[in-house]
Amino acid sequence: MTIRPQFIVASANPDKVAEIAAIFGPMCELLPRPEAVPDVVEDAVTLEGNARLKARAICTATARAAVADDTGLEVDALGGLPGVRTGRYAGESATYSDNVSKLMMELTRVNALEPDQRRARFRTVAMVCFPDGSEIACHGVVDGTIALTPRGVLGFGYDPVFIPDGRDGKPGGETFAEMSADDKHAISHRGIAFRALAVAINR
């Protein structure tokens, strides 16, 4: 019987935890973050820095290997924003809807009203930190376009407004929120990063 590697997941966001678990599948087992461990202040200036802060904090608190990620949405018309502040774009306590509303408002403000003016990409850094101080980091990127209006009810975060490019590199048609979970994971930034991380862990 093969023993799967176990990792404590740093995130307390149930949507993100479920997505990571689905991507890992049978390759790794995720254990929940202990409730006694407080949230980590994500004040690094890079996605990799924030992923490391989270994974290292949980690893230190539990003396067990911990996995974390940080994801940024980079919109060309906004100079790469929201970037490292993607999850807090509309404020520290912002909801998914708040962040999407601010994004759409900002694109209108800069007069980015045509699809070719709304190019963007999602970037994820997935990281595992071990008690011995070692770490593994993997990256995932998917290019796409910000939709003119939100569409779909699946997924979370900015999924209703992000249209990933097709496998041929051309602009796609469906938002992440219109795709099944399997279809999304097959091409998404988080899917790419965590599949690579699972492979690296199991070498």
N, C-alpha and C. Protein backbone atom coordinates (compact mmCIF):
# COMPACT_ATOMS: atom_id res chain seq x y z
N MET A 1 0.85 -1.20 0.00
CA MET A 1 0.00 0.00 0.00
C MET A 1 0.89 1.25 0.00
N THR A 2 0.65 2.13 -0.95
CA THR A 2 1.43 3.35 -1.06
C THR A 2 0.94 4.38 -0.05
N ILE A 3 1.87 4.96 0.69
CA ILE A 3 1.53 5.99 1.66
C ILE A 3 1.66 7.35 0.99
N ARG A 4 0.57 8.10 0.98
CA ARG A 4 0.60 9.41 0.34
C ARG A 4 1.28 10.43 1.25
N PRO A 5 2.09 11.33 0.67
CA PRO A 5 2.65 12.42 1.48
C PRO A 5 1.52 13.26 2.08
N GLN A 6 1.68 13.67 3.32
CA GLN A 6 0.69 14.49 4.01
C GLN A 6 1.22 15.90 4.22
N PHE A 7 0.35 16.88 4.01
CA PHE A 7 0.73 18.27 4.20
C PHE A 7 -0.41 19.01 4.87
N ILE A 8 -0.07 19.87 5.81
CA ILE A 8 -1.07 20.77 6.38
C ILE A 8 -1.24 21.93 5.41
N VAL A 9 -2.47 22.23 5.09
CA VAL A 9 -2.74 23.31 4.13
C VAL A 9 -2.83 24.62 4.89
N ALA A 10 -2.11 25.62 4.41
CA ALA A 10 -2.04 26.89 5.12
C ALA A 10 -3.32 27.71 4.99
N SER A 11 -4.03 27.54 3.90
CA SER A 11 -5.20 28.37 3.66
C SER A 11 -6.38 27.95 4.53
N ALA A 12 -7.15 28.95 4.98
CA ALA A 12 -8.40 28.68 5.69
C ALA A 12 -9.60 28.95 4.78
N ASN A 13 -9.33 29.30 3.51
CA ASN A 13 -10.40 29.56 2.54
C ASN A 13 -10.92 28.21 2.04
N PRO A 14 -12.16 27.84 2.37
CA PRO A 14 -12.64 26.50 2.00
C PRO A 14 -12.71 26.28 0.49
N ASP A 15 -12.97 27.33 -0.27
CA ASP A 15 -13.00 27.19 -1.73
C ASP A 15 -11.63 26.83 -2.27
N LYS A 16 -10.62 27.53 -1.79
CA LYS A 16 -9.26 27.26 -2.25
C LYS A 16 -8.79 25.87 -1.80
N VAL A 17 -9.08 25.51 -0.55
CA VAL A 17 -8.66 24.20 -0.03
C VAL A 17 -9.29 23.08 -0.87
N ALA A 18 -10.57 23.20 -1.18
CA ALA A 18 -11.25 22.19 -1.98
C ALA A 18 -10.63 22.07 -3.36
N GLU A 19 -10.27 23.21 -3.93
CA GLU A 19 -9.68 23.20 -5.27
C GLU A 19 -8.29 22.54 -5.24
N ILE A 20 -7.48 22.88 -4.26
CA ILE A 20 -6.16 22.27 -4.15
C ILE A 20 -6.27 20.76 -3.96
N ALA A 21 -7.20 20.34 -3.10
CA ALA A 21 -7.38 18.91 -2.85
C ALA A 21 -7.80 18.18 -4.12
N ALA A 22 -8.67 18.81 -4.91
CA ALA A 22 -9.13 18.20 -6.15
C ALA A 22 -7.99 18.08 -7.15
N ILE A 23 -7.13 19.08 -7.21
CA ILE A 23 -5.99 19.05 -8.14
C ILE A 23 -4.97 18.00 -7.71
N PHE A 24 -4.65 17.96 -6.43
CA PHE A 24 -3.72 16.95 -5.91
C PHE A 24 -4.24 15.54 -6.13
N GLY A 25 -5.57 15.37 -5.97
CA GLY A 25 -6.16 14.06 -6.13
C GLY A 25 -5.51 13.04 -5.21
N PRO A 26 -5.17 11.85 -5.75
CA PRO A 26 -4.59 10.80 -4.91
C PRO A 26 -3.09 10.96 -4.66
N MET A 27 -2.47 11.99 -5.25
CA MET A 27 -1.01 12.11 -5.14
C MET A 27 -0.55 12.59 -3.76
N CYS A 28 -1.36 13.41 -3.10
CA CYS A 28 -0.99 13.96 -1.79
C CYS A 28 -2.24 14.08 -0.94
N GLU A 29 -2.07 14.05 0.37
CA GLU A 29 -3.19 14.21 1.30
C GLU A 29 -3.06 15.53 2.04
N LEU A 30 -4.13 16.31 2.04
CA LEU A 30 -4.14 17.58 2.74
C LEU A 30 -4.79 17.43 4.10
N LEU A 31 -4.17 18.02 5.11
CA LEU A 31 -4.73 18.07 6.45
C LEU A 31 -5.11 19.52 6.76
N PRO A 32 -6.21 19.75 7.48
CA PRO A 32 -6.65 21.12 7.73
C PRO A 32 -5.71 21.89 8.64
N ARG A 33 -5.67 23.19 8.44
CA ARG A 33 -4.88 24.05 9.31
C ARG A 33 -5.50 24.06 10.71
N PRO A 34 -4.71 23.85 11.76
CA PRO A 34 -5.28 23.90 13.13
C PRO A 34 -5.94 25.24 13.40
N GLU A 35 -7.09 25.21 14.03
CA GLU A 35 -7.82 26.44 14.30
C GLU A 35 -7.05 27.39 15.21
N ALA A 36 -6.17 26.84 16.01
CA ALA A 36 -5.42 27.68 16.95
C ALA A 36 -4.33 28.50 16.25
N VAL A 37 -4.00 28.15 15.03
CA VAL A 37 -2.96 28.89 14.31
C VAL A 37 -3.59 30.12 13.66
N PRO A 38 -3.14 31.31 14.00
CA PRO A 38 -3.77 32.53 13.47
C PRO A 38 -3.44 32.75 12.00
N ASP A 39 -4.22 33.65 11.38
CA ASP A 39 -3.96 34.02 10.00
C ASP A 39 -2.57 34.64 9.89
N VAL A 40 -1.95 34.44 8.74
CA VAL A 40 -0.63 34.99 8.49
C VAL A 40 -0.77 36.32 7.75
N VAL A 41 -0.04 37.33 8.18
CA VAL A 41 -0.05 38.61 7.50
C VAL A 41 0.72 38.47 6.19
N GLU A 42 0.04 38.71 5.07
CA GLU A 42 0.66 38.55 3.76
C GLU A 42 1.20 39.89 3.29
N ASP A 43 2.39 40.25 3.77
CA ASP A 43 2.94 41.56 3.46
C ASP A 43 4.19 41.50 2.59
N ALA A 44 4.44 40.35 1.97
CA ALA A 44 5.55 40.26 1.02
C ALA A 44 5.18 41.00 -0.27
N VAL A 45 6.18 41.34 -1.05
CA VAL A 45 5.94 42.11 -2.28
C VAL A 45 5.84 41.23 -3.51
N THR A 46 5.99 39.91 -3.32
CA THR A 46 5.86 38.98 -4.44
C THR A 46 4.93 37.84 -4.05
N LEU A 47 4.40 37.15 -5.06
CA LEU A 47 3.56 35.99 -4.80
C LEU A 47 4.36 34.90 -4.10
N GLU A 48 5.58 34.66 -4.55
CA GLU A 48 6.40 33.63 -3.92
C GLU A 48 6.68 33.98 -2.47
N GLY A 49 6.90 35.25 -2.19
CA GLY A 49 7.15 35.66 -0.82
C GLY A 49 5.96 35.41 0.08
N ASN A 50 4.77 35.69 -0.41
CA ASN A 50 3.56 35.45 0.39
C ASN A 50 3.30 33.96 0.58
N ALA A 51 3.52 33.17 -0.47
CA ALA A 51 3.35 31.73 -0.34
C ALA A 51 4.30 31.18 0.71
N ARG A 52 5.53 31.67 0.69
CA ARG A 52 6.53 31.21 1.67
C ARG A 52 6.14 31.63 3.09
N LEU A 53 5.67 32.85 3.26
CA LEU A 53 5.25 33.31 4.58
C LEU A 53 4.19 32.38 5.17
N LYS A 54 3.22 32.02 4.36
CA LYS A 54 2.12 31.19 4.84
C LYS A 54 2.56 29.76 5.14
N ALA A 55 3.27 29.17 4.19
CA ALA A 55 3.69 27.78 4.38
C ALA A 55 4.68 27.66 5.53
N ARG A 56 5.62 28.58 5.63
CA ARG A 56 6.63 28.51 6.69
C ARG A 56 5.99 28.73 8.06
N ALA A 57 5.02 29.64 8.15
CA ALA A 57 4.37 29.90 9.44
C ALA A 57 3.64 28.66 9.94
N ILE A 58 2.93 27.97 9.06
CA ILE A 58 2.20 26.77 9.46
C ILE A 58 3.17 25.65 9.79
N CYS A 59 4.22 25.52 9.00
CA CYS A 59 5.24 24.50 9.26
C CYS A 59 5.88 24.72 10.63
N THR A 60 6.21 25.96 10.93
CA THR A 60 6.85 26.27 12.21
C THR A 60 5.90 26.00 13.38
N ALA A 61 4.62 26.36 13.20
CA ALA A 61 3.65 26.21 14.28
C ALA A 61 3.29 24.76 14.56
N THR A 62 3.39 23.90 13.56
CA THR A 62 2.95 22.52 13.70
C THR A 62 4.08 21.49 13.66
N ALA A 63 5.27 21.93 13.24
CA ALA A 63 6.41 21.03 13.07
C ALA A 63 6.11 19.95 12.04
N ARG A 64 5.27 20.30 11.07
CA ARG A 64 4.93 19.36 9.98
C ARG A 64 5.04 20.10 8.66
N ALA A 65 5.21 19.35 7.59
CA ALA A 65 5.28 19.95 6.26
C ALA A 65 3.97 20.67 5.96
N ALA A 66 4.07 21.84 5.35
CA ALA A 66 2.88 22.65 5.07
C ALA A 66 2.92 23.15 3.63
N VAL A 67 1.73 23.25 3.05
CA VAL A 67 1.62 23.70 1.66
C VAL A 67 0.77 24.96 1.60
N ALA A 68 1.17 25.88 0.73
CA ALA A 68 0.44 27.14 0.57
C ALA A 68 0.60 27.61 -0.87
N ASP A 69 -0.22 28.57 -1.22
CA ASP A 69 -0.03 29.21 -2.52
C ASP A 69 -0.39 30.68 -2.40
N ASP A 70 0.05 31.43 -3.37
CA ASP A 70 -0.43 32.80 -3.52
C ASP A 70 -0.70 33.00 -5.00
N THR A 71 -1.79 33.67 -5.29
CA THR A 71 -2.23 33.84 -6.67
C THR A 71 -2.50 35.30 -6.95
N GLY A 72 -2.08 35.75 -8.10
CA GLY A 72 -2.32 37.13 -8.50
C GLY A 72 -2.95 37.22 -9.87
N LEU A 73 -3.87 38.15 -10.02
CA LEU A 73 -4.46 38.47 -11.31
C LEU A 73 -3.78 39.74 -11.81
N GLU A 74 -3.16 39.66 -12.97
CA GLU A 74 -2.44 40.80 -13.54
C GLU A 74 -3.18 41.27 -14.78
N VAL A 75 -3.67 42.50 -14.73
CA VAL A 75 -4.44 43.06 -15.84
C VAL A 75 -3.60 44.12 -16.54
N ASP A 76 -3.35 43.93 -17.81
CA ASP A 76 -2.44 44.82 -18.55
C ASP A 76 -2.89 46.27 -18.51
N ALA A 77 -4.19 46.50 -18.71
CA ALA A 77 -4.70 47.87 -18.78
C ALA A 77 -4.58 48.59 -17.44
N LEU A 78 -4.37 47.84 -16.37
CA LEU A 78 -4.23 48.42 -15.03
C LEU A 78 -2.79 48.36 -14.54
N GLY A 79 -1.87 48.20 -15.48
CA GLY A 79 -0.46 48.18 -15.11
C GLY A 79 -0.06 46.97 -14.28
N GLY A 80 -0.76 45.86 -14.43
CA GLY A 80 -0.46 44.65 -13.69
C GLY A 80 -1.23 44.46 -12.41
N LEU A 81 -2.05 45.44 -12.04
CA LEU A 81 -2.91 45.30 -10.86
C LEU A 81 -4.05 44.34 -11.17
N PRO A 82 -4.62 43.71 -10.11
CA PRO A 82 -4.33 43.87 -8.68
C PRO A 82 -3.09 43.13 -8.17
N GLY A 83 -2.52 42.21 -8.95
CA GLY A 83 -1.26 41.58 -8.57
C GLY A 83 -1.28 40.92 -7.21
N VAL A 84 -0.30 41.26 -6.37
CA VAL A 84 -0.20 40.59 -5.06
C VAL A 84 -1.37 40.95 -4.14
N ARG A 85 -2.14 41.94 -4.50
CA ARG A 85 -3.30 42.32 -3.68
C ARG A 85 -4.61 41.80 -4.26
N THR A 86 -4.52 40.77 -5.09
CA THR A 86 -5.70 40.25 -5.77
C THR A 86 -6.83 39.90 -4.82
N GLY A 87 -6.53 39.22 -3.74
CA GLY A 87 -7.58 38.81 -2.80
C GLY A 87 -8.08 39.94 -1.93
N ARG A 88 -7.37 41.07 -1.92
CA ARG A 88 -7.73 42.21 -1.07
C ARG A 88 -7.88 43.49 -1.90
N TYR A 89 -8.18 43.33 -3.17
CA TYR A 89 -8.20 44.46 -4.09
C TYR A 89 -9.15 45.56 -3.64
N ALA A 90 -10.32 45.18 -3.13
CA ALA A 90 -11.32 46.16 -2.70
C ALA A 90 -11.25 46.43 -1.19
N GLY A 91 -10.20 45.95 -0.53
CA GLY A 91 -10.06 46.17 0.91
C GLY A 91 -9.76 44.88 1.64
N GLU A 92 -9.30 45.00 2.87
CA GLU A 92 -8.88 43.83 3.64
C GLU A 92 -10.01 42.84 3.90
N SER A 93 -11.23 43.33 4.00
CA SER A 93 -12.36 42.45 4.28
C SER A 93 -13.25 42.27 3.05
N ALA A 94 -12.69 42.49 1.87
CA ALA A 94 -13.47 42.44 0.64
C ALA A 94 -14.01 41.04 0.36
N THR A 95 -15.23 40.99 -0.18
CA THR A 95 -15.81 39.73 -0.64
C THR A 95 -15.40 39.51 -2.10
N TYR A 96 -15.69 38.32 -2.61
CA TYR A 96 -15.42 38.05 -4.03
C TYR A 96 -16.12 39.10 -4.90
N SER A 97 -17.37 39.37 -4.57
CA SER A 97 -18.16 40.33 -5.35
C SER A 97 -17.57 41.73 -5.29
N ASP A 98 -17.09 42.12 -4.13
CA ASP A 98 -16.46 43.44 -3.99
C ASP A 98 -15.26 43.57 -4.91
N ASN A 99 -14.42 42.54 -4.94
CA ASN A 99 -13.21 42.58 -5.76
C ASN A 99 -13.54 42.63 -7.25
N VAL A 100 -14.52 41.82 -7.66
CA VAL A 100 -14.91 41.83 -9.06
C VAL A 100 -15.49 43.18 -9.45
N SER A 101 -16.32 43.74 -8.58
CA SER A 101 -16.92 45.04 -8.87
C SER A 101 -15.86 46.12 -9.03
N LYS A 102 -14.85 46.10 -8.16
CA LYS A 102 -13.79 47.10 -8.28
C LYS A 102 -13.01 46.90 -9.56
N LEU A 103 -12.72 45.66 -9.91
CA LEU A 103 -11.99 45.39 -11.15
C LEU A 103 -12.74 45.93 -12.36
N MET A 104 -14.02 45.64 -12.43
CA MET A 104 -14.82 46.11 -13.57
C MET A 104 -14.89 47.63 -13.60
N MET A 105 -15.01 48.25 -12.44
CA MET A 105 -15.06 49.70 -12.35
C MET A 105 -13.74 50.32 -12.82
N GLU A 106 -12.63 49.73 -12.42
CA GLU A 106 -11.32 50.26 -12.82
C GLU A 106 -11.10 50.12 -14.32
N LEU A 107 -11.54 49.04 -14.90
CA LEU A 107 -11.40 48.87 -16.35
C LEU A 107 -12.26 49.88 -17.10
N THR A 108 -13.42 50.19 -16.57
CA THR A 108 -14.24 51.24 -17.17
C THR A 108 -13.57 52.60 -17.02
N ARG A 109 -12.97 52.83 -15.88
CA ARG A 109 -12.32 54.11 -15.62
C ARG A 109 -11.19 54.38 -16.62
N VAL A 110 -10.45 53.35 -16.99
CA VAL A 110 -9.34 53.54 -17.93
C VAL A 110 -9.78 53.32 -19.38
N ASN A 111 -11.10 53.20 -19.57
CA ASN A 111 -11.68 53.08 -20.91
C ASN A 111 -11.24 51.81 -21.64
N ALA A 112 -11.02 50.74 -20.88
CA ALA A 112 -10.69 49.44 -21.47
C ALA A 112 -12.00 48.68 -21.70
N LEU A 113 -12.66 48.99 -22.80
CA LEU A 113 -14.02 48.51 -23.03
C LEU A 113 -14.11 47.44 -24.11
N GLU A 114 -13.01 47.16 -24.80
CA GLU A 114 -13.00 46.14 -25.84
C GLU A 114 -12.18 44.95 -25.36
N PRO A 115 -12.53 43.73 -25.82
CA PRO A 115 -11.81 42.54 -25.35
C PRO A 115 -10.29 42.63 -25.51
N ASP A 116 -9.81 43.21 -26.60
CA ASP A 116 -8.36 43.26 -26.79
C ASP A 116 -7.68 44.28 -25.88
N GLN A 117 -8.49 45.08 -25.18
CA GLN A 117 -7.95 46.02 -24.20
C GLN A 117 -7.99 45.45 -22.78
N ARG A 118 -8.49 44.23 -22.65
CA ARG A 118 -8.73 43.65 -21.32
C ARG A 118 -7.92 42.37 -21.11
N ARG A 119 -6.73 42.33 -21.71
CA ARG A 119 -5.87 41.16 -21.57
C ARG A 119 -5.35 41.05 -20.13
N ALA A 120 -5.25 39.81 -19.66
CA ALA A 120 -4.86 39.57 -18.27
C ALA A 120 -4.27 38.19 -18.14
N ARG A 121 -3.73 37.91 -16.97
CA ARG A 121 -3.25 36.56 -16.69
C ARG A 121 -3.36 36.29 -15.19
N PHE A 122 -3.60 35.03 -14.89
CA PHE A 122 -3.53 34.56 -13.51
C PHE A 122 -2.17 33.90 -13.31
N ARG A 123 -1.55 34.19 -12.19
CA ARG A 123 -0.25 33.62 -11.87
C ARG A 123 -0.31 33.03 -10.45
N THR A 124 0.10 31.78 -10.31
CA THR A 124 0.11 31.11 -9.00
C THR A 124 1.50 30.60 -8.67
N VAL A 125 1.88 30.77 -7.41
CA VAL A 125 3.07 30.11 -6.87
C VAL A 125 2.59 29.16 -5.79
N ALA A 126 2.85 27.87 -5.98
CA ALA A 126 2.51 26.85 -4.99
C ALA A 126 3.79 26.41 -4.29
N MET A 127 3.74 26.31 -2.99
CA MET A 127 4.97 26.03 -2.23
C MET A 127 4.69 25.08 -1.07
N VAL A 128 5.65 24.18 -0.85
CA VAL A 128 5.61 23.35 0.35
C VAL A 128 6.90 23.61 1.13
N CYS A 129 6.75 23.78 2.43
CA CYS A 129 7.90 23.99 3.32
C CYS A 129 7.98 22.81 4.29
N PHE A 130 9.20 22.33 4.51
CA PHE A 130 9.43 21.18 5.37
C PHE A 130 10.09 21.62 6.68
N PRO A 131 9.92 20.83 7.75
CA PRO A 131 10.50 21.20 9.04
C PRO A 131 12.02 21.34 9.03
N ASP A 132 12.70 20.69 8.08
CA ASP A 132 14.16 20.81 8.03
C ASP A 132 14.63 22.09 7.36
N GLY A 133 13.67 22.96 6.97
CA GLY A 133 14.02 24.23 6.36
C GLY A 133 14.01 24.22 4.85
N SER A 134 13.89 23.05 4.24
CA SER A 134 13.86 22.98 2.78
C SER A 134 12.48 23.36 2.25
N GLU A 135 12.40 23.65 0.97
CA GLU A 135 11.13 24.03 0.37
C GLU A 135 11.14 23.68 -1.11
N ILE A 136 9.95 23.57 -1.68
CA ILE A 136 9.79 23.37 -3.12
C ILE A 136 8.75 24.37 -3.58
N ALA A 137 9.03 25.08 -4.66
CA ALA A 137 8.07 26.05 -5.22
C ALA A 137 7.85 25.74 -6.70
N CYS A 138 6.61 25.82 -7.14
CA CYS A 138 6.26 25.61 -8.55
C CYS A 138 5.32 26.73 -8.99
N HIS A 139 5.39 27.06 -10.27
CA HIS A 139 4.65 28.20 -10.80
C HIS A 139 3.64 27.74 -11.85
N GLY A 140 2.55 28.49 -11.95
CA GLY A 140 1.56 28.24 -12.99
C GLY A 140 1.00 29.56 -13.50
N VAL A 141 0.86 29.67 -14.81
CA VAL A 141 0.35 30.90 -15.44
C VAL A 141 -0.67 30.53 -16.50
N VAL A 142 -1.76 31.28 -16.56
CA VAL A 142 -2.71 31.14 -17.66
C VAL A 142 -3.10 32.53 -18.15
N ASP A 143 -2.99 32.74 -19.45
CA ASP A 143 -3.35 34.02 -20.05
C ASP A 143 -4.82 34.03 -20.43
N GLY A 144 -5.39 35.22 -20.51
CA GLY A 144 -6.79 35.32 -20.87
C GLY A 144 -7.25 36.75 -21.02
N THR A 145 -8.56 36.92 -20.90
CA THR A 145 -9.21 38.21 -21.09
C THR A 145 -10.24 38.41 -19.99
N ILE A 146 -10.41 39.64 -19.56
CA ILE A 146 -11.47 39.95 -18.59
C ILE A 146 -12.77 40.17 -19.37
N ALA A 147 -13.80 39.41 -19.00
CA ALA A 147 -15.09 39.51 -19.68
C ALA A 147 -15.71 40.89 -19.49
N LEU A 148 -16.61 41.25 -20.39
CA LEU A 148 -17.29 42.54 -20.29
C LEU A 148 -18.30 42.54 -19.16
N THR A 149 -18.87 41.38 -18.86
CA THR A 149 -19.80 41.23 -17.74
C THR A 149 -19.56 39.85 -17.11
N PRO A 150 -19.83 39.70 -15.81
CA PRO A 150 -19.65 38.39 -15.17
C PRO A 150 -20.58 37.35 -15.78
N ARG A 151 -20.06 36.11 -15.88
CA ARG A 151 -20.84 35.00 -16.44
C ARG A 151 -20.51 33.72 -15.70
N GLY A 152 -21.53 32.94 -15.38
CA GLY A 152 -21.33 31.64 -14.76
C GLY A 152 -21.48 31.69 -13.24
N VAL A 153 -21.72 30.51 -12.66
CA VAL A 153 -21.98 30.44 -11.22
C VAL A 153 -21.03 29.46 -10.51
N LEU A 154 -20.11 28.87 -11.24
CA LEU A 154 -19.18 27.92 -10.64
C LEU A 154 -17.90 28.63 -10.20
N GLY A 155 -17.03 27.89 -9.50
CA GLY A 155 -15.76 28.48 -9.09
C GLY A 155 -15.93 29.52 -8.00
N PHE A 156 -14.95 30.43 -7.92
CA PHE A 156 -14.97 31.46 -6.89
C PHE A 156 -14.05 32.60 -7.31
N GLY A 157 -14.01 33.64 -6.50
CA GLY A 157 -13.12 34.76 -6.79
C GLY A 157 -13.46 35.47 -8.08
N TYR A 158 -12.47 35.62 -8.94
CA TYR A 158 -12.65 36.32 -10.22
C TYR A 158 -13.09 35.39 -11.35
N ASP A 159 -13.41 34.15 -11.02
CA ASP A 159 -13.77 33.18 -12.06
C ASP A 159 -14.89 33.66 -13.01
N PRO A 160 -15.90 34.39 -12.52
CA PRO A 160 -16.97 34.81 -13.44
C PRO A 160 -16.54 35.82 -14.50
N VAL A 161 -15.37 36.44 -14.34
CA VAL A 161 -14.96 37.45 -15.32
C VAL A 161 -13.66 37.10 -16.03
N PHE A 162 -13.07 35.94 -15.74
CA PHE A 162 -11.81 35.58 -16.41
C PHE A 162 -12.07 34.54 -17.48
N ILE A 163 -11.75 34.89 -18.72
CA ILE A 163 -11.90 33.99 -19.86
C ILE A 163 -10.50 33.50 -20.26
N PRO A 164 -10.15 32.26 -19.94
CA PRO A 164 -8.80 31.78 -20.30
C PRO A 164 -8.68 31.58 -21.80
N ASP A 165 -7.49 31.80 -22.31
CA ASP A 165 -7.24 31.49 -23.71
C ASP A 165 -7.44 30.00 -23.95
N GLY A 166 -7.78 29.64 -25.18
CA GLY A 166 -7.93 28.24 -25.53
C GLY A 166 -6.60 27.53 -25.59
N ARG A 167 -6.63 26.24 -25.76
CA ARG A 167 -5.41 25.45 -25.81
C ARG A 167 -4.53 25.83 -27.01
N ASP A 168 -5.14 26.47 -28.01
CA ASP A 168 -4.38 26.92 -29.18
C ASP A 168 -3.78 28.30 -28.97
N GLY A 169 -3.96 28.86 -27.78
CA GLY A 169 -3.40 30.18 -27.48
C GLY A 169 -4.27 31.33 -27.91
N LYS A 170 -5.40 31.02 -28.56
CA LYS A 170 -6.31 32.07 -29.01
C LYS A 170 -7.33 32.38 -27.92
N PRO A 171 -7.91 33.60 -27.96
CA PRO A 171 -8.90 33.95 -26.94
C PRO A 171 -9.98 32.88 -26.82
N GLY A 172 -10.33 32.56 -25.58
CA GLY A 172 -11.34 31.54 -25.34
C GLY A 172 -12.75 32.12 -25.33
N GLY A 173 -13.72 31.29 -24.95
CA GLY A 173 -15.10 31.73 -24.95
C GLY A 173 -15.75 31.69 -23.59
N GLU A 174 -15.45 30.65 -22.79
CA GLU A 174 -16.08 30.49 -21.48
C GLU A 174 -15.24 31.12 -20.38
N THR A 175 -15.92 31.68 -19.39
CA THR A 175 -15.21 32.09 -18.17
C THR A 175 -14.93 30.85 -17.35
N PHE A 176 -14.02 30.98 -16.38
CA PHE A 176 -13.77 29.86 -15.47
C PHE A 176 -15.06 29.45 -14.76
N ALA A 177 -15.93 30.41 -14.48
CA ALA A 177 -17.16 30.12 -13.74
C ALA A 177 -18.20 29.39 -14.59
N GLU A 178 -17.96 29.29 -15.90
CA GLU A 178 -18.85 28.54 -16.78
C GLU A 178 -18.33 27.14 -17.07
N MET A 179 -17.12 26.83 -16.60
CA MET A 179 -16.50 25.53 -16.86
C MET A 179 -16.75 24.56 -15.70
N SER A 180 -16.75 23.28 -16.03
CA SER A 180 -16.76 22.29 -14.96
C SER A 180 -15.44 22.37 -14.21
N ALA A 181 -15.43 21.85 -12.99
CA ALA A 181 -14.20 21.89 -12.19
C ALA A 181 -13.07 21.17 -12.90
N ASP A 182 -13.35 20.02 -13.51
CA ASP A 182 -12.30 19.27 -14.20
C ASP A 182 -11.72 20.05 -15.37
N ASP A 183 -12.60 20.69 -16.15
CA ASP A 183 -12.12 21.48 -17.30
C ASP A 183 -11.28 22.67 -16.83
N LYS A 184 -11.72 23.31 -15.76
CA LYS A 184 -10.97 24.44 -15.23
C LYS A 184 -9.60 23.99 -14.73
N HIS A 185 -9.57 22.94 -13.91
CA HIS A 185 -8.31 22.49 -13.32
C HIS A 185 -7.30 22.07 -14.39
N ALA A 186 -7.80 21.57 -15.52
CA ALA A 186 -6.91 21.09 -16.58
C ALA A 186 -6.06 22.21 -17.17
N ILE A 187 -6.56 23.44 -17.12
CA ILE A 187 -5.83 24.54 -17.78
C ILE A 187 -5.50 25.69 -16.85
N SER A 188 -5.99 25.66 -15.61
CA SER A 188 -5.86 26.84 -14.75
C SER A 188 -4.45 27.00 -14.19
N HIS A 189 -4.16 28.20 -13.78
CA HIS A 189 -2.91 28.55 -13.11
C HIS A 189 -2.66 27.69 -11.89
N ARG A 190 -3.70 27.52 -11.07
CA ARG A 190 -3.54 26.72 -9.85
C ARG A 190 -3.36 25.25 -10.20
N GLY A 191 -4.08 24.78 -11.21
CA GLY A 191 -3.93 23.40 -11.65
C GLY A 191 -2.51 23.11 -12.12
N ILE A 192 -1.98 24.01 -12.95
CA ILE A 192 -0.61 23.84 -13.46
C ILE A 192 0.39 23.81 -12.31
N ALA A 193 0.27 24.78 -11.39
CA ALA A 193 1.24 24.89 -10.30
C ALA A 193 1.19 23.70 -9.35
N PHE A 194 -0.01 23.29 -8.95
CA PHE A 194 -0.10 22.21 -7.96
C PHE A 194 0.16 20.83 -8.56
N ARG A 195 -0.15 20.63 -9.83
CA ARG A 195 0.24 19.35 -10.45
C ARG A 195 1.76 19.25 -10.51
N ALA A 196 2.41 20.35 -10.87
CA ALA A 196 3.88 20.35 -10.90
C ALA A 196 4.45 20.11 -9.50
N LEU A 197 3.83 20.71 -8.49
CA LEU A 197 4.30 20.53 -7.11
C LEU A 197 4.14 19.08 -6.67
N ALA A 198 3.01 18.47 -7.01
CA ALA A 198 2.77 17.07 -6.63
C ALA A 198 3.81 16.17 -7.27
N VAL A 199 4.14 16.41 -8.53
CA VAL A 199 5.16 15.61 -9.20
C VAL A 199 6.51 15.78 -8.52
N ALA A 200 6.86 17.04 -8.21
CA ALA A 200 8.15 17.31 -7.57
C ALA A 200 8.24 16.65 -6.20
N ILE A 201 7.14 16.66 -5.45
CA ILE A 201 7.13 16.06 -4.11
C ILE A 201 7.31 14.55 -4.18
N ASN A 202 6.70 13.94 -5.20
CA ASN A 202 6.68 12.48 -5.28
C ASN A 202 7.86 11.89 -6.05
N ARG A 203 8.82 12.69 -6.42
CA ARG A 203 10.00 12.17 -7.12
C ARG A 203 10.80 11.26 -6.19
